[in-house]
């Protein structure tokens, strides 16, 4: 049973590492949209209310 558990754990680890490396390759064609970030930050400063912007996932645009 211990060998079976180790084998299945190894297969799961290899599958997860393969998915993680694939995701990085697809994100390389996008870059952070600095124009959009600047527009939102400028609007924040012009606002009369207290606004806090926290970028969890900054906007991205397709890399030319």
Protein backbone atom coordinates (compact mmCIF):
# COMPACT_ATOMS: atom_id res chain seq x y z
CA UNK A 1 0.00 0.00 0.00
CA UNK A 2 2.85 2.38 0.76
CA UNK A 3 4.38 1.87 -2.70
CA UNK A 4 1.00 2.48 -4.34
CA UNK A 5 0.57 5.70 -2.36
CA UNK A 6 4.06 6.90 -3.34
CA UNK A 7 3.41 6.07 -7.01
CA UNK A 8 0.09 7.92 -7.06
CA UNK A 9 1.64 10.90 -5.26
CA UNK A 10 4.42 11.04 -7.84
CA UNK A 11 1.92 10.95 -10.72
CA UNK A 12 -0.13 13.74 -9.11
CA UNK A 13 2.99 15.86 -8.53
CA UNK A 14 4.10 15.46 -12.15
CA UNK A 15 0.63 16.35 -13.43
CA UNK A 16 0.46 19.52 -11.31
CA UNK A 17 3.93 20.68 -12.33
CA UNK A 18 3.04 20.21 -15.99
CA UNK A 19 -0.07 22.37 -15.64
CA UNK A 20 1.85 25.10 -13.82
CA UNK A 21 4.51 25.37 -16.50
CA UNK A 22 1.88 25.51 -19.25
CA UNK A 23 0.12 28.47 -17.62
CA UNK A 24 3.30 30.56 -17.53
CA UNK A 25 3.91 30.03 -21.23
CA UNK A 26 0.44 31.28 -22.21
CA UNK A 27 0.67 34.43 -20.05
CA UNK A 28 3.86 35.60 -21.77
CA UNK A 29 1.90 37.26 -24.60
CA UNK A 30 0.22 39.69 -22.17
CA UNK A 31 1.66 42.69 -20.36
CA UNK A 32 0.39 44.99 -17.61
CA UNK A 33 -1.80 47.76 -19.05
CA UNK A 34 -0.02 50.79 -17.57
CA UNK A 35 -2.35 53.24 -19.34
CA UNK A 36 -5.41 51.71 -17.64
CA UNK A 37 -3.66 51.68 -14.26
CA UNK A 38 -2.67 55.35 -14.65
CA UNK A 39 -6.25 56.30 -15.63
CA UNK A 40 -7.68 54.58 -12.55
CA UNK A 41 -5.03 56.06 -10.24
CA UNK A 42 -5.67 59.57 -11.66
CA UNK A 43 -9.43 59.14 -11.18
CA UNK A 44 -8.75 58.07 -7.60
CA UNK A 45 -6.90 61.33 -6.87
CA UNK A 46 -9.62 63.47 -8.55
CA UNK A 47 -12.37 61.79 -6.54
CA UNK A 48 -13.94 63.76 -3.69
CA UNK A 49 -14.42 60.63 -1.63
CA UNK A 50 -11.71 58.55 -0.03
CA UNK A 51 -10.98 55.75 -2.45
CA UNK A 52 -8.41 53.03 -1.95
CA UNK A 53 -7.33 51.00 -4.96
CA UNK A 54 -5.67 47.65 -4.35
CA UNK A 55 -4.57 45.87 -7.51
CA UNK A 56 -4.97 42.14 -6.89
CA UNK A 57 -4.91 41.28 -10.59
CA UNK A 58 -3.75 44.33 -12.53
CA UNK A 59 -5.32 44.86 -15.95
CA UNK A 60 -3.48 43.19 -18.81
CA UNK A 61 -3.39 43.82 -22.52
CA UNK A 62 -2.16 41.75 -25.41
CA UNK A 63 1.51 42.31 -26.17
CA UNK A 64 2.08 43.74 -29.68
